[in-house]
Protein backbone atom coordinates (compact mmCIF):
# COMPACT_ATOMS: atom_id res chain seq x y z
CA MET A 1 38.38 -7.93 -14.14
CA ASP A 2 37.20 -9.36 -10.83
CA TYR A 3 35.75 -7.27 -8.06
CA GLU A 4 35.76 -8.22 -4.42
CA VAL A 5 32.26 -8.48 -2.94
CA SER A 6 32.52 -8.53 0.81
CA GLU A 7 30.07 -10.26 3.09
CA GLU A 8 28.77 -6.84 4.14
CA ASP A 9 28.19 -5.88 0.49
CA HIS A 10 26.41 -9.16 -0.09
CA LYS A 11 24.13 -8.47 2.90
CA LYS A 12 23.37 -5.00 1.54
CA ILE A 13 22.46 -6.44 -1.86
CA ILE A 14 20.14 -9.00 -0.24
CA GLU A 15 18.61 -6.33 1.99
CA PHE A 16 18.01 -4.11 -1.06
CA SER A 17 16.33 -7.02 -2.83
CA LEU A 18 14.06 -7.68 0.16
CA LEU A 19 13.19 -3.98 0.43
CA HIS A 20 12.41 -3.88 -3.28
CA ASN A 21 10.04 -6.86 -3.00
CA LYS A 22 8.41 -5.32 0.07
CA LYS A 23 7.99 -2.05 -1.85
CA LEU A 24 6.21 -3.86 -4.67
CA ASN A 25 3.88 -5.57 -2.17
CA LEU A 26 3.15 -2.29 -0.38
CA GLU A 27 2.39 -0.56 -3.68
CA GLN A 28 -0.02 -3.35 -4.64
CA LYS A 29 -1.79 -3.25 -1.25
CA LEU A 30 -2.01 0.53 -1.44
CA LYS A 31 -3.51 0.33 -4.92
CA LEU A 32 -6.14 -2.15 -3.70
CA LEU A 33 -7.01 -0.04 -0.66
CA LYS A 34 -7.37 3.10 -2.78
CA HIS A 35 -9.64 1.18 -5.15
CA GLU A 36 -11.73 -0.01 -2.20
CA LYS A 37 -11.89 3.59 -0.93
CA ASN A 38 -13.13 4.75 -4.35
CA LEU A 39 -15.81 2.05 -4.33
CA LEU A 40 -16.84 3.14 -0.85
CA ASN A 41 -17.09 6.77 -1.99
CA ASP A 42 -19.22 5.64 -4.93
CA ALA A 43 -21.48 3.74 -2.53
CA GLN A 44 -21.86 6.83 -0.34
CA ASP A 45 -22.77 8.90 -3.40
CA GLU A 46 -25.24 6.24 -4.52
CA ILE A 47 -26.98 6.30 -1.14
CA ILE A 48 -27.58 10.03 -1.50
CA ILE A 49 -29.36 9.69 -4.85
CA SER A 50 -31.03 6.32 -4.25
CA LEU A 51 -34.75 6.22 -3.51
CA ASN A 52 -34.58 2.67 -2.18
CA THR A 53 -32.86 1.67 1.03
CA PRO A 54 -29.75 -0.24 -0.03
CA LEU A 55 -28.55 -3.37 1.72
CA PHE A 56 -25.27 -3.41 3.64
CA HIS A 57 -22.97 -6.34 2.86
CA ILE A 58 -21.31 -7.95 5.90
CA GLY A 59 -19.43 -11.20 5.39
CA GLU A 60 -21.79 -13.58 3.61
CA CYS A 61 -25.03 -11.73 4.25
CA PHE A 62 -26.80 -8.47 3.50
CA MET A 63 -28.46 -6.38 6.18
CA LYS A 64 -31.13 -3.76 5.81
CA LEU A 65 -30.11 -0.69 7.79
CA THR A 66 -31.64 2.72 8.22
CA ASP A 67 -30.06 5.50 6.20
CA GLU A 68 -28.42 6.88 9.34
CA GLU A 69 -27.01 3.48 10.35
CA LEU A 70 -25.76 2.90 6.83
CA GLU A 71 -24.08 6.30 6.70
CA LEU A 72 -22.40 5.62 10.05
CA GLU A 73 -21.17 2.20 8.91
CA LEU A 74 -19.80 3.63 5.68
CA LYS A 75 -18.17 6.53 7.51
CA ASP A 76 -16.56 4.12 9.98
CA LYS A 77 -15.31 1.90 7.17
CA SER A 78 -14.02 4.96 5.30
CA GLU A 79 -12.09 6.17 8.36
CA LYS A 80 -10.54 2.73 8.82
CA LEU A 81 -9.49 2.67 5.17
CA ASP A 82 -8.01 6.17 5.48
CA THR A 83 -6.00 5.05 8.51
CA GLU A 84 -4.75 1.94 6.72
CA ILE A 85 -3.88 3.93 3.59
CA GLU A 86 -1.94 6.44 5.68
CA LYS A 87 -0.11 3.64 7.50
CA LEU A 88 0.85 1.91 4.24
CA THR A 89 1.90 5.21 2.65
CA ASN A 90 4.20 5.95 5.59
CA SER A 91 5.63 2.44 5.45
CA LEU A 92 6.20 2.80 1.70
CA GLN A 93 7.97 6.14 2.15
CA GLU A 94 10.22 4.65 4.83
CA ASN A 95 10.96 1.70 2.54
CA ILE A 96 11.85 4.01 -0.35
CA LYS A 97 14.12 6.05 1.90
CA GLU A 98 15.93 2.93 3.16
CA SER A 99 16.32 1.37 -0.28
CA SER A 100 17.55 4.66 -1.77
CA ASN A 101 20.21 4.84 0.92
CA LEU A 102 21.34 1.26 0.23
CA LYS A 103 21.24 1.87 -3.51
CA ALA A 104 23.48 4.93 -3.15
CA GLN A 105 25.97 2.97 -1.02
CA LEU A 106 26.08 0.08 -3.49
CA TYR A 107 26.38 2.29 -6.58
CA ASN A 108 29.09 4.28 -4.81
CA LYS A 109 31.12 1.11 -4.34
CA PHE A 110 30.31 -0.81 -7.54
CA GLY A 111 29.36 1.96 -9.98
CA ASN A 112 27.71 0.71 -13.17
CA ARG A 113 28.90 -2.86 -12.51
CA ILE A 114 25.74 -3.46 -10.50
CA ASN A 115 22.18 -2.95 -11.70
CA LEU A 116 19.66 -2.14 -8.97
CA ASP A 117 17.05 -0.48 -11.19
CA SER A 118 13.93 -2.38 -12.02
């Protein structure tokens, strides 16, 4: 039994595929940022218990900073990571919403003749 796939349906399938790939990329980036945030939190905890002044890594070099400067740098970096995580999370939620809408439309038309689950 043949089923007619219109140009509009074809575009929706391609758009769903692109959204799915984007979702995977966003999830990977979010995972990496959360890991970086955890490492940063560990560094902040380590500073509190450390007796020695740790070095701050910038690019290819390490700088010796006062405890106050180091705390400010880590706080600034932490806030930037939080902002980026929030931005990616919002983008991911929007992506999921869009792809769910497309998925519903395609399953409504094609039923179980199309597989959009990964």
